[in-house]
PDB file of N, CA and C in Angstrom:
ATOM      1  N   MET A   1      28.670 -45.824   4.388  1.00  0.00           N
ATOM      2  CA  MET A   1      28.110 -44.623   3.730  1.00  0.00           C
ATOM      3  C   MET A   1      29.377 -43.791   3.621  1.00  0.00           C
ATOM      4  N   VAL A   2      29.293 -42.399   3.028  1.00  0.00           N
ATOM      5  CA  VAL A   2      30.260 -41.469   3.853  1.00  0.00           C
ATOM      6  C   VAL A   2      29.943 -40.818   4.307  1.00  0.00           C
ATOM      7  N   ARG A   3      30.237 -40.128   5.070  1.00  0.00           N
ATOM      8  CA  ARG A   3      29.528 -39.253   6.715  1.00  0.00           C
ATOM      9  C   ARG A   3      29.373 -37.771   6.026  1.00  0.00           C
ATOM     10  N   VAL A   4      28.450 -37.937   6.066  1.00  0.00           N
ATOM     11  CA  VAL A   4      28.717 -35.676   5.530  1.00  0.00           C
ATOM     12  C   VAL A   4      28.461 -34.945   6.653  1.00  0.00           C
ATOM     13  N   LYS A   5      28.963 -34.142   6.214  1.00  0.00           N
ATOM     14  CA  LYS A   5      29.173 -33.005   7.323  1.00  0.00           C
ATOM     15  C   LYS A   5      28.985 -31.750   6.859  1.00  0.00           C
ATOM     16  N   ARG A   6      27.804 -30.746   7.753  1.00  0.00           N
ATOM     17  CA  ARG A   6      27.444 -29.585   6.844  1.00  0.00           C
ATOM     18  C   ARG A   6      26.818 -28.964   7.695  1.00  0.00           C
ATOM     19  N   GLY A   7      27.868 -28.401   8.467  1.00  0.00           N
ATOM     20  CA  GLY A   7      28.173 -27.483   9.090  1.00  0.00           C
ATOM     21  C   GLY A   7      28.412 -25.976   8.554  1.00  0.00           C
ATOM     22  N   THR A   8      29.697 -26.346   7.858  1.00  0.00           N
ATOM     23  CA  THR A   8      29.100 -24.558   6.904  1.00  0.00           C
ATOM     24  C   THR A   8      27.327 -25.063   5.803  1.00  0.00           C
ATOM     25  N   THR A   9      26.796 -25.959   5.212  1.00  0.00           N
ATOM     26  CA  THR A   9      25.112 -25.182   4.696  1.00  0.00           C
ATOM     27  C   THR A   9      24.565 -25.345   6.406  1.00  0.00           C
ATOM     28  N   ALA A  10      25.062 -25.420   7.268  1.00  0.00           N
ATOM     29  CA  ALA A  10      24.123 -25.086   7.962  1.00  0.00           C
ATOM     30  C   ALA A  10      24.288 -22.887   8.716  1.00  0.00           C
ATOM     31  N   ASN A  11      25.606 -22.602   9.096  1.00  0.00           N
ATOM     32  CA  ASN A  11      26.568 -22.196   9.478  1.00  0.00           C
ATOM     33  C   ASN A  11      25.501 -20.882   8.390  1.00  0.00           C
ATOM     34  N   LYS A  12      25.223 -20.505   6.983  1.00  0.00           N
ATOM     35  CA  LYS A  12      25.316 -20.198   5.719  1.00  0.00           C
ATOM     36  C   LYS A  12      23.764 -19.256   5.878  1.00  0.00           C
ATOM     37  N   ARG A  13      23.829 -21.084   6.407  1.00  0.00           N
ATOM     38  CA  ARG A  13      22.155 -20.690   6.755  1.00  0.00           C
ATOM     39  C   ARG A  13      21.290 -19.452   7.972  1.00  0.00           C
ATOM     40  N   ARG A  14      22.173 -20.019   9.537  1.00  0.00           N
ATOM     41  CA  ARG A  14      22.678 -20.097   9.860  1.00  0.00           C
ATOM     42  C   ARG A  14      21.944 -17.886   9.879  1.00  0.00           C
ATOM     43  N   LYS A  15      23.669 -17.964   9.185  1.00  0.00           N
ATOM     44  CA  LYS A  15      23.919 -16.566   8.984  1.00  0.00           C
ATOM     45  C   LYS A  15      23.037 -16.072   7.709  1.00  0.00           C
ATOM     46  N   ASN A  16      22.639 -15.810   7.109  1.00  0.00           N
ATOM     47  CA  ASN A  16      22.119 -15.439   6.189  1.00  0.00           C
ATOM     48  C   ASN A  16      19.888 -14.855   6.963  1.00  0.00           C
ATOM     49  N   VAL A  17      20.195 -16.373   7.958  1.00  0.00           N
ATOM     50  CA  VAL A  17      18.498 -15.056   9.427  1.00  0.00           C
ATOM     51  C   VAL A  17      19.284 -13.975   9.734  1.00  0.00           C
ATOM     52  N   LEU A  18      20.397 -14.197  10.689  1.00  0.00           N
ATOM     53  CA  LEU A  18      20.207 -13.364  11.453  1.00  0.00           C
ATOM     54  C   LEU A  18      20.502 -12.378  10.163  1.00  0.00           C
ATOM     55  N   LYS A  19      21.158 -11.965   8.863  1.00  0.00           N
ATOM     56  CA  LYS A  19      21.436 -11.065   8.102  1.00  0.00           C
ATOM     57  C   LYS A  19      20.408 -10.681   7.877  1.00  0.00           C
ATOM     58  N   HIS A  20      19.479 -11.394   7.681  1.00  0.00           N
ATOM     59  CA  HIS A  20      17.449 -10.277   7.583  1.00  0.00           C
ATOM     60  C   HIS A  20      17.480  -9.896   8.595  1.00  0.00           C
ATOM     61  N   THR A  21      17.492 -10.392  10.048  1.00  0.00           N
ATOM     62  CA  THR A  21      17.407  -9.231  11.133  1.00  0.00           C
ATOM     63  C   THR A  21      18.000  -8.837  11.918  1.00  0.00           C
ATOM     64  N   LYS A  22      18.457  -8.296  11.269  1.00  0.00           N
ATOM     65  CA  LYS A  22      19.753  -6.788  12.135  1.00  0.00           C
ATOM     66  C   LYS A  22      18.334  -6.035  11.863  1.00  0.00           C
ATOM     67  N   GLY A  23      19.107  -5.220  12.934  1.00  0.00           N
ATOM     68  CA  GLY A  23      17.864  -4.387  13.204  1.00  0.00           C
ATOM     69  C   GLY A  23      16.197  -4.490  14.549  1.00  0.00           C
ATOM     70  N   PHE A  24      16.466  -6.044  14.284  1.00  0.00           N
ATOM     71  CA  PHE A  24      15.786  -5.911  15.123  1.00  0.00           C
ATOM     72  C   PHE A  24      15.777  -6.317  16.317  1.00  0.00           C
ATOM     73  N   LYS A  25      14.731  -5.472  17.444  1.00  0.00           N
ATOM     74  CA  LYS A  25      15.276  -5.608  18.957  1.00  0.00           C
ATOM     75  C   LYS A  25      15.399  -6.857  20.315  1.00  0.00           C
ATOM     76  N   TRP A  26      15.908  -6.264  20.991  1.00  0.00           N
ATOM     77  CA  TRP A  26      16.475  -7.785  21.545  1.00  0.00           C
ATOM     78  C   TRP A  26      16.837  -9.255  21.544  1.00  0.00           C
ATOM     79  N   GLY A  27      16.795  -9.657  21.881  1.00  0.00           N
ATOM     80  CA  GLY A  27      17.097 -11.639  21.251  1.00  0.00           C
ATOM     81  C   GLY A  27      16.899 -12.032  19.554  1.00  0.00           C
ATOM     82  N   ARG A  28      16.139 -11.391  19.607  1.00  0.00           N
ATOM     83  CA  ARG A  28      15.546 -11.451  18.069  1.00  0.00           C
ATOM     84  C   ARG A  28      16.514 -11.190  16.676  1.00  0.00           C
ATOM     85  N   LYS A  29      17.462 -10.758  16.986  1.00  0.00           N
ATOM     86  CA  LYS A  29      18.624 -10.369  15.960  1.00  0.00           C
ATOM     87  C   LYS A  29      20.136 -10.660  16.259  1.00  0.00           C
ATOM     88  N   SER A  30      20.121 -11.728  16.875  1.00  0.00           N
ATOM     89  CA  SER A  30      21.370 -11.852  17.993  1.00  0.00           C
ATOM     90  C   SER A  30      20.940 -13.427  17.802  1.00  0.00           C
ATOM     91  N   LYS A  31      19.938 -14.193  18.227  1.00  0.00           N
ATOM     92  CA  LYS A  31      19.972 -15.518  18.763  1.00  0.00           C
ATOM     93  C   LYS A  31      18.651 -16.169  17.280  1.00  0.00           C
ATOM     94  N   TYR A  32      19.719 -17.882  17.222  1.00  0.00           N
ATOM     95  CA  TYR A  32      19.293 -17.882  15.645  1.00  0.00           C
ATOM     96  C   TYR A  32      17.441 -18.188  16.175  1.00  0.00           C
ATOM     97  N   LYS A  33      17.412 -18.806  17.581  1.00  0.00           N
ATOM     98  CA  LYS A  33      15.996 -19.917  17.078  1.00  0.00           C
ATOM     99  C   LYS A  33      14.491 -18.629  17.300  1.00  0.00           C
ATOM    100  N   LEU A  34      14.936 -17.541  17.926  1.00  0.00           N
ATOM    101  CA  LEU A  34      14.038 -15.887  18.070  1.00  0.00           C
ATOM    102  C   LEU A  34      14.022 -15.536  16.665  1.00  0.00           C
ATOM    103  N   ALA A  35      15.317 -15.673  16.258  1.00  0.00           N
ATOM    104  CA  ALA A  35      15.307 -14.684  15.169  1.00  0.00           C
ATOM    105  C   ALA A  35      14.499 -14.839  13.973  1.00  0.00           C
ATOM    106  N   LYS A  36      15.108 -16.935  14.368  1.00  0.00           N
ATOM    107  CA  LYS A  36      13.884 -17.007  12.758  1.00  0.00           C
ATOM    108  C   LYS A  36      12.405 -17.106  12.647  1.00  0.00           C
ATOM    109  N   ASP A  37      12.450 -17.678  13.711  1.00  0.00           N
ATOM    110  CA  ASP A  37      10.680 -17.191  14.053  1.00  0.00           C
ATOM    111  C   ASP A  37      10.486 -15.448  14.043  1.00  0.00           C
ATOM    112  N   ALA A  38      11.072 -14.193  14.679  1.00  0.00           N
ATOM    113  CA  ALA A  38      11.198 -13.038  14.177  1.00  0.00           C
ATOM    114  C   ALA A  38      10.956 -12.711  12.813  1.00  0.00           C
ATOM    115  N   LEU A  39      11.663 -13.713  12.180  1.00  0.00           N
ATOM    116  CA  LEU A  39      11.877 -13.144  10.429  1.00  0.00           C
ATOM    117  C   LEU A  39      11.300 -14.181   8.816  1.00  0.00           C
ATOM    118  N   ARG A  40       9.916 -15.250  10.457  1.00  0.00           N
ATOM    119  CA  ARG A  40       9.019 -15.990   8.701  1.00  0.00           C
ATOM    120  C   ARG A  40       7.305 -14.900   9.945  1.00  0.00           C
ATOM    121  N   HIS A  41       7.646 -14.387  10.782  1.00  0.00           N
ATOM    122  CA  HIS A  41       6.444 -13.809  11.213  1.00  0.00           C
ATOM    123  C   HIS A  41       6.393 -12.303  10.690  1.00  0.00           C
ATOM    124  N   ALA A  42       7.496 -12.022  10.143  1.00  0.00           N
ATOM    125  CA  ALA A  42       7.769 -10.424   9.385  1.00  0.00           C
ATOM    126  C   ALA A  42       7.789 -11.030   7.596  1.00  0.00           C
ATOM    127  N   LEU A  43       8.204 -12.085   7.725  1.00  0.00           N
ATOM    128  CA  LEU A  43       7.808 -12.190   6.457  1.00  0.00           C
ATOM    129  C   LEU A  43       6.260 -12.059   5.987  1.00  0.00           C
ATOM    130  N   VAL A  44       5.844 -13.212   6.613  1.00  0.00           N
ATOM    131  CA  VAL A  44       4.263 -13.187   6.423  1.00  0.00           C
ATOM    132  C   VAL A  44       3.542 -11.553   6.731  1.00  0.00           C
ATOM    133  N   TYR A  45       3.948 -10.671   7.633  1.00  0.00           N
ATOM    134  CA  TYR A  45       2.599  -9.555   8.137  1.00  0.00           C
ATOM    135  C   TYR A  45       3.325  -8.311   7.171  1.00  0.00           C
ATOM    136  N   SER A  46       4.620  -8.806   6.117  1.00  0.00           N
ATOM    137  CA  SER A  46       5.162  -7.916   4.856  1.00  0.00           C
ATOM    138  C   SER A  46       4.361  -7.813   3.882  1.00  0.00           C
ATOM    139  N   TYR A  47       3.845  -9.594   3.331  1.00  0.00           N
ATOM    140  CA  TYR A  47       3.212  -9.813   2.507  1.00  0.00           C
ATOM    141  C   TYR A  47       1.748  -9.503   2.033  1.00  0.00           C
ATOM    142  N   ARG A  48       1.038  -9.917   4.094  1.00  0.00           N
ATOM    143  CA  ARG A  48      -0.166  -9.526   3.491  1.00  0.00           C
ATOM    144  C   ARG A  48      -0.706  -7.789   3.891  1.00  0.00           C
ATOM    145  N   ASP A  49       0.778  -6.757   4.663  1.00  0.00           N
ATOM    146  CA  ASP A  49       0.566  -5.760   4.519  1.00  0.00           C
ATOM    147  C   ASP A  49       0.837  -4.940   3.190  1.00  0.00           C
ATOM    148  N   ARG A  50       1.314  -5.587   2.277  1.00  0.00           N
ATOM    149  CA  ARG A  50       1.937  -5.090   1.082  1.00  0.00           C
ATOM    150  C   ARG A  50      -0.030  -4.592   0.213  1.00  0.00           C
ATOM    151  N   ARG A  51      -0.874  -5.399   0.850  1.00  0.00           N
ATOM    152  CA  ARG A  51      -1.763  -5.670   0.339  1.00  0.00           C
ATOM    153  C   ARG A  51      -2.431  -4.716   0.700  1.00  0.00           C
ATOM    154  N   THR A  52      -3.241  -5.152   2.352  1.00  0.00           N
ATOM    155  CA  THR A  52      -3.398  -3.591   2.892  1.00  0.00           C
ATOM    156  C   THR A  52      -3.162  -2.335   2.682  1.00  0.00           C
ATOM    157  N   LYS A  53      -2.699  -1.708   1.943  1.00  0.00           N
ATOM    158  CA  LYS A  53      -1.209  -0.899   2.618  1.00  0.00           C
ATOM    159  C   LYS A  53      -2.816  -0.020   0.599  1.00  0.00           C
ATOM    160  N   LYS A  54      -2.638  -1.334   0.262  1.00  0.00           N
ATOM    161  CA  LYS A  54      -3.404  -0.990  -1.416  1.00  0.00           C
ATOM    162  C   LYS A  54      -4.614  -0.843  -0.714  1.00  0.00           C
ATOM    163  N   ARG A  55      -5.282  -0.654   0.150  1.00  0.00           N
ATOM    164  CA  ARG A  55      -6.321  -1.170   0.385  1.00  0.00           C
ATOM    165  C   ARG A  55      -6.738   0.357   1.332  1.00  0.00           C
ATOM    166  N   ASP A  56      -5.932   0.754   1.595  1.00  0.00           N
ATOM    167  CA  ASP A  56      -5.725   1.954   2.810  1.00  0.00           C
ATOM    168  C   ASP A  56      -5.655   2.942   2.083  1.00  0.00           C
ATOM    169  N   PHE A  57      -4.896   2.843   0.060  1.00  0.00           N
ATOM    170  CA  PHE A  57      -4.727   3.658  -0.161  1.00  0.00           C
ATOM    171  C   PHE A  57      -5.787   4.429  -0.464  1.00  0.00           C
ATOM    172  N   ARG A  58      -6.320   3.269  -1.401  1.00  0.00           N
ATOM    173  CA  ARG A  58      -8.564   3.699  -1.722  1.00  0.00           C
ATOM    174  C   ARG A  58      -8.913   4.422  -1.390  1.00  0.00           C
ATOM    175  N   ARG A  59      -9.134   3.542   0.008  1.00  0.00           N
ATOM    176  CA  ARG A  59      -9.105   4.623   0.975  1.00  0.00           C
ATOM    177  C   ARG A  59      -9.372   5.975   0.876  1.00  0.00           C
ATOM    178  N   LEU A  60      -7.980   5.924   1.352  1.00  0.00           N
ATOM    179  CA  LEU A  60      -7.079   7.786   1.410  1.00  0.00           C
ATOM    180  C   LEU A  60      -7.916   8.431   0.143  1.00  0.00           C
ATOM    181  N   TRP A  61      -8.153   7.431  -1.068  1.00  0.00           N
ATOM    182  CA  TRP A  61      -8.331   9.036  -2.414  1.00  0.00           C
ATOM    183  C   TRP A  61     -10.236   8.738  -2.135  1.00  0.00           C
ATOM    184  N   GLN A  62     -10.397   7.745  -1.694  1.00  0.00           N
ATOM    185  CA  GLN A  62     -11.766   8.036  -1.840  1.00  0.00           C
ATOM    186  C   GLN A  62     -12.600   9.749  -0.598  1.00  0.00           C
ATOM    187  N   LEU A  63     -11.582   8.802   0.305  1.00  0.00           N
ATOM    188  CA  LEU A  63     -12.009  10.020   1.549  1.00  0.00           C
ATOM    189  C   LEU A  63     -12.240  11.869   0.851  1.00  0.00           C
ATOM    190  N   LYS A  64     -10.658  11.757   0.299  1.00  0.00           N
ATOM    191  CA  LYS A  64      -9.726  13.042  -0.776  1.00  0.00           C
ATOM    192  C   LYS A  64     -11.194  13.554  -1.156  1.00  0.00           C
ATOM    193  N   ILE A  65     -11.647  12.789  -2.479  1.00  0.00           N
ATOM    194  CA  ILE A  65     -12.332  12.695  -3.185  1.00  0.00           C
ATOM    195  C   ILE A  65     -13.835  13.563  -2.991  1.00  0.00           C
ATOM    196  N   ASN A  66     -14.226  12.196  -2.555  1.00  0.00           N
ATOM    197  CA  ASN A  66     -15.921  12.803  -1.539  1.00  0.00           C
ATOM    198  C   ASN A  66     -16.091  14.509  -0.649  1.00  0.00           C
ATOM    199  N   GLU A  67     -14.848  14.656  -0.112  1.00  0.00           N
ATOM    200  CA  GLU A  67     -14.825  15.731   0.706  1.00  0.00           C
ATOM    201  C   GLU A  67     -14.890  16.587  -0.806  1.00  0.00           C
ATOM    202  N   ALA A  68     -13.744  16.448  -1.356  1.00  0.00           N
ATOM    203  CA  ALA A  68     -13.843  18.028  -2.900  1.00  0.00           C
ATOM    204  C   ALA A  68     -14.788  17.849  -3.368  1.00  0.00           C
ATOM    205  N   CYS A  69     -15.881  17.069  -3.630  1.00  0.00           N
ATOM    206  CA  CYS A  69     -16.956  16.887  -4.108  1.00  0.00           C
ATOM    207  C   CYS A  69     -17.919  17.141  -3.425  1.00  0.00           C
ATOM    208  N   LYS A  70     -18.405  17.024  -1.850  1.00  0.00           N
ATOM    209  CA  LYS A  70     -19.187  18.413  -1.321  1.00  0.00           C
ATOM    210  C   LYS A  70     -18.516  19.461  -1.573  1.00  0.00           C
ATOM    211  N   LYS A  71     -17.557  20.293  -1.126  1.00  0.00           N
ATOM    212  CA  LYS A  71     -17.287  21.028  -2.052  1.00  0.00           C
ATOM    213  C   LYS A  71     -17.859  22.020  -3.278  1.00  0.00           C
ATOM    214  N   GLN A  72     -18.106  20.719  -4.009  1.00  0.00           N
ATOM    215  CA  GLN A  72     -18.860  21.552  -5.145  1.00  0.00           C
ATOM    216  C   GLN A  72     -20.115  21.176  -5.740  1.00  0.00           C
ATOM    217  N   GLY A  73     -20.590  20.606  -4.446  1.00  0.00           N
ATOM    218  CA  GLY A  73     -22.311  20.396  -4.550  1.00  0.00           C
ATOM    219  C   GLY A  73     -22.778  19.214  -5.920  1.00  0.00           C
ATOM    220  N   ILE A  74     -21.841  18.612  -4.651  1.00  0.00           N
ATOM    221  CA  ILE A  74     -22.232  17.043  -5.902  1.00  0.00           C
ATOM    222  C   ILE A  74     -21.986  15.092  -5.011  1.00  0.00           C
ATOM    223  N   SER A  75     -22.489  14.973  -5.173  1.00  0.00           N
ATOM    224  CA  SER A  75     -22.095  13.556  -4.097  1.00  0.00           C
ATOM    225  C   SER A  75     -21.193  13.003  -4.915  1.00  0.00           C
ATOM    226  N   TYR A  76     -20.010  11.663  -4.104  1.00  0.00           N
ATOM    227  CA  TYR A  76     -18.961  11.305  -4.173  1.00  0.00           C
ATOM    228  C   TYR A  76     -19.137   9.966  -5.198  1.00  0.00           C
ATOM    229  N   ASN A  77     -20.321   9.899  -5.022  1.00  0.00           N
ATOM    230  CA  ASN A  77     -21.471   8.306  -6.126  1.00  0.00           C
ATOM    231  C   ASN A  77     -21.638   8.911  -7.054  1.00  0.00           C
ATOM    232  N   GLN A  78     -21.931   9.861  -7.334  1.00  0.00           N
ATOM    233  CA  GLN A  78     -23.228  10.753  -8.562  1.00  0.00           C
ATOM    234  C   GLN A  78     -21.537  10.505  -9.516  1.00  0.00           C
ATOM    235  N   PHE A  79     -20.747  11.783  -8.950  1.00  0.00           N
ATOM    236  CA  PHE A  79     -19.485  12.340  -9.290  1.00  0.00           C
ATOM    237  C   PHE A  79     -18.571  10.894  -9.855  1.00  0.00           C
ATOM    238  N   ILE A  80     -18.304   9.505  -9.351  1.00  0.00           N
ATOM    239  CA  ILE A  80     -17.624   8.962 -10.108  1.00  0.00           C
ATOM    240  C   ILE A  80     -19.146   8.788 -11.221  1.00  0.00           C
ATOM    241  N   HIS A  81     -19.645   7.760 -10.680  1.00  0.00           N
ATOM    242  CA  HIS A  81     -21.499   7.370 -11.567  1.00  0.00           C
ATOM    243  C   HIS A  81     -20.387   8.492 -13.271  1.00  0.00           C
ATOM    244  N   LYS A  82     -21.163   9.765 -13.119  1.00  0.00           N
ATOM    245  CA  LYS A  82     -21.250  10.953 -14.448  1.00  0.00           C
ATOM    246  C   LYS A  82     -19.773  10.651 -14.808  1.00  0.00           C
ATOM    247  N   LEU A  83     -18.583  10.657 -14.740  1.00  0.00           N
ATOM    248  CA  LEU A  83     -18.004  10.581 -14.514  1.00  0.00           C
ATOM    249  C   LEU A  83     -17.099   8.958 -15.494  1.00  0.00           C
ATOM    250  N   LYS A  84     -18.663   8.038 -15.507  1.00  0.00           N
ATOM    251  CA  LYS A  84     -18.170   6.880 -16.048  1.00  0.00           C
ATOM    252  C   LYS A  84     -18.867   7.100 -17.082  1.00  0.00           C
ATOM    253  N   GLU A  85     -20.633   8.431 -17.641  1.00  0.00           N
ATOM    254  CA  GLU A  85     -21.402   8.078 -18.744  1.00  0.00           C
ATOM    255  C   GLU A  85     -21.100   8.817 -19.090  1.00  0.00           C
ATOM    256  N   ASN A  86     -19.967   9.638 -18.577  1.00  0.00           N
ATOM    257  CA  ASN A  86     -19.139  10.814 -19.731  1.00  0.00           C
ATOM    258  C   ASN A  86     -17.565  10.275 -20.188  1.00  0.00           C
ATOM    259  N   LYS A  87     -17.707   8.898 -20.226  1.00  0.00           N
ATOM    260  CA  LYS A  87     -16.539   8.796 -20.643  1.00  0.00           C
ATOM    261  C   LYS A  87     -14.849   8.913 -20.437  1.00  0.00           C
ATOM    262  N   ILE A  88     -14.716   9.802 -18.827  1.00  0.00           N
ATOM    263  CA  ILE A  88     -13.898  10.029 -18.714  1.00  0.00           C
ATOM    264  C   ILE A  88     -12.682   9.561 -17.826  1.00  0.00           C
ATOM    265  N   GLU A  89     -11.582   9.129 -18.600  1.00  0.00           N
ATOM    266  CA  GLU A  89     -11.073   7.716 -17.097  1.00  0.00           C
ATOM    267  C   GLU A  89     -10.566   8.420 -16.920  1.00  0.00           C
ATOM    268  N   LEU A  90     -10.285   8.234 -15.830  1.00  0.00           N
ATOM    269  CA  LEU A  90      -9.661   9.063 -14.639  1.00  0.00           C
ATOM    270  C   LEU A  90      -9.572   8.232 -13.533  1.00  0.00           C
ATOM    271  N   ASP A  91      -8.658   8.092 -12.832  1.00  0.00           N
ATOM    272  CA  ASP A  91      -9.024   7.257 -11.742  1.00  0.00           C
ATOM    273  C   ASP A  91      -8.510   7.402 -10.742  1.00  0.00           C
ATOM    274  N   ARG A  92      -8.943   7.390  -8.852  1.00  0.00           N
ATOM    275  CA  ARG A  92      -9.181   7.791  -8.784  1.00  0.00           C
ATOM    276  C   ARG A  92      -7.707   8.449  -8.134  1.00  0.00           C
ATOM    277  N   LYS A  93      -6.809   7.625  -7.213  1.00  0.00           N
ATOM    278  CA  LYS A  93      -5.510   7.737  -7.424  1.00  0.00           C
ATOM    279  C   LYS A  93      -5.086   9.592  -8.071  1.00  0.00           C
ATOM    280  N   ILE A  94      -5.906   9.897  -9.465  1.00  0.00           N
ATOM    281  CA  ILE A  94      -5.402  10.851 -10.141  1.00  0.00           C
ATOM    282  C   ILE A  94      -5.934  12.232  -9.888  1.00  0.00           C
ATOM    283  N   LEU A  95      -7.032  10.927  -9.227  1.00  0.00           N
ATOM    284  CA  LEU A  95      -8.110  12.935  -8.662  1.00  0.00           C
ATOM    285  C   LEU A  95      -7.705  13.512  -7.611  1.00  0.00           C
ATOM    286  N   ALA A  96      -7.196  12.613  -7.180  1.00  0.00           N
ATOM    287  CA  ALA A  96      -6.929  12.784  -5.646  1.00  0.00           C
ATOM    288  C   ALA A  96      -5.500  13.920  -5.269  1.00  0.00           C
ATOM    289  N   GLU A  97      -4.975  13.505  -7.123  1.00  0.00           N
ATOM    290  CA  GLU A  97      -2.989  13.928  -6.367  1.00  0.00           C
ATOM    291  C   GLU A  97      -3.988  15.884  -7.047  1.00  0.00           C
ATOM    292  N   LEU A  98      -5.516  15.606  -8.612  1.00  0.00           N
ATOM    293  CA  LEU A  98      -4.698  16.901  -8.553  1.00  0.00           C
ATOM    294  C   LEU A  98      -6.294  17.102  -7.626  1.00  0.00           C
ATOM    295  N   ILE A  99      -6.909  16.895  -6.408  1.00  0.00           N
ATOM    296  CA  ILE A  99      -7.344  17.697  -6.138  1.00  0.00           C
ATOM    297  C   ILE A  99      -6.775  18.894  -4.881  1.00  0.00           C
ATOM    298  N   GLU A 100      -5.351  17.369  -4.005  1.00  0.00           N
ATOM    299  CA  GLU A 100      -5.016  18.890  -3.761  1.00  0.00           C
ATOM    300  C   GLU A 100      -4.024  19.374  -4.591  1.00  0.00           C
ATOM    301  N   LYS A 101      -2.645  18.716  -5.604  1.00  0.00           N
ATOM    302  CA  LYS A 101      -2.335  20.026  -6.612  1.00  0.00           C
ATOM    303  C   LYS A 101      -2.443  21.038  -7.454  1.00  0.00           C
ATOM    304  N   GLU A 102      -3.592  20.433  -8.111  1.00  0.00           N
ATOM    305  CA  GLU A 102      -4.284  21.113  -9.412  1.00  0.00           C
ATOM    306  C   GLU A 102      -6.071  21.782  -9.032  1.00  0.00           C
ATOM    307  N   PRO A 103      -6.191  22.337  -7.860  1.00  0.00           N
ATOM    308  CA  PRO A 103      -7.112  22.415  -7.792  1.00  0.00           C
ATOM    309  C   PRO A 103      -8.939  22.851  -8.410  1.00  0.00           C
ATOM    310  N   LYS A 104      -8.418  23.399  -8.985  1.00  0.00           N
ATOM    311  CA  LYS A 104      -8.836  24.601 -10.372  1.00  0.00           C
ATOM    312  C   LYS A 104      -9.848  23.157 -11.431  1.00  0.00           C
ATOM    313  N   ILE A 105      -7.931  22.495 -12.115  1.00  0.00           N
ATOM    314  CA  ILE A 105      -9.009  21.645 -13.032  1.00  0.00           C
ATOM    315  C   ILE A 105      -9.650  19.897 -12.533  1.00  0.00           C
ATOM    316  N   PHE A 106     -10.423  20.112 -11.362  1.00  0.00           N
ATOM    317  CA  PHE A 106     -11.428  19.372 -10.304  1.00  0.00           C
ATOM    318  C   PHE A 106     -11.622  19.926 -10.463  1.00  0.00           C
ATOM    319  N   GLU A 107     -12.327  21.958 -10.388  1.00  0.00           N
ATOM    320  CA  GLU A 107     -13.356  21.681 -10.327  1.00  0.00           C
ATOM    321  C   GLU A 107     -13.847  21.968 -12.043  1.00  0.00           C
ATOM    322  N   LYS A 108     -12.427  22.994 -12.736  1.00  0.00           N
ATOM    323  CA  LYS A 108     -13.067  22.517 -14.814  1.00  0.00           C
ATOM    324  C   LYS A 108     -13.729  20.343 -13.993  1.00  0.00           C
ATOM    325  N   ILE A 109     -13.082  19.236 -14.428  1.00  0.00           N
ATOM    326  CA  ILE A 109     -14.140  18.193 -14.494  1.00  0.00           C
ATOM    327  C   ILE A 109     -15.371  18.197 -13.108  1.00  0.00           C
ATOM    328  N   VAL A 110     -15.085  18.157 -12.368  1.00  0.00           N
ATOM    329  CA  VAL A 110     -17.022  18.529 -11.902  1.00  0.00           C
ATOM    330  C   VAL A 110     -17.045  19.233 -12.701  1.00  0.00           C
ATOM    331  N   GLU A 111     -17.851  20.763 -12.980  1.00  0.00           N
ATOM    332  CA  GLU A 111     -18.488  21.920 -13.917  1.00  0.00           C
ATOM    333  C   GLU A 111     -18.648  21.291 -15.360  1.00  0.00           C
ATOM    334  N   GLU A 112     -17.652  19.857 -16.132  1.00  0.00           N
ATOM    335  CA  GLU A 112     -18.326  19.389 -17.333  1.00  0.00           C
ATOM    336  C   GLU A 112     -19.053  18.391 -17.200  1.00  0.00           C
ATOM    337  N   ILE A 113     -19.300  17.371 -15.493  1.00  0.00           N
ATOM    338  CA  ILE A 113     -19.805  16.263 -15.492  1.00  0.00           C
ATOM    339  C   ILE A 113     -21.300  16.393 -15.025  1.00  0.00           C
ATOM    340  N   LYS A 114     -21.765  18.121 -14.630  1.00  0.00           N
ATOM    341  CA  LYS A 114     -22.615  18.890 -14.056  1.00  0.00           C
ATOM    342  C   LYS A 114     -23.308  18.263 -15.103  1.00  0.00           C
ATOM    343  N   PRO A 115     -24.638  18.818 -14.718  1.00  0.00           N
ATOM    344  CA  PRO A 115     -25.434  18.775 -16.037  1.00  0.00           C
ATOM    345  C   PRO A 115     -26.366  20.173 -15.906  1.00  0.00           C
ATOM    346  N   ARG A 116     -26.688  20.744 -17.383  1.00  0.00           N
ATOM    347  CA  ARG A 116     -26.302  21.705 -17.515  1.00  0.00           C
ATOM    348  C   ARG A 116     -27.846  22.123 -17.537  1.00  0.00           C
TER     349      ARG A 116
END
């Protein structure tokens, strides 16, 4: 059989790992064995935390809406329920933005859904 030298392929792979670990601390940026392990963990964490971020933001929006609703004299769950009953299709992200940037509009929404 013909001998196959894999030096260029292996070097390319190592170089790619070290390129991705640029900016890591200590030997994890320059030593291949440590860099490979650090990169594997970093990729796992980034995948996991992209999902966690969605959860965290939804929780933050709920807190903002809850606080604004309390000031208007209505509870969060009643507010969300009334929105759905009145077919007002604004998601929590938009509601939270309205509270921060356009509080008057949010007050009008609350007045719209409150019983007369």
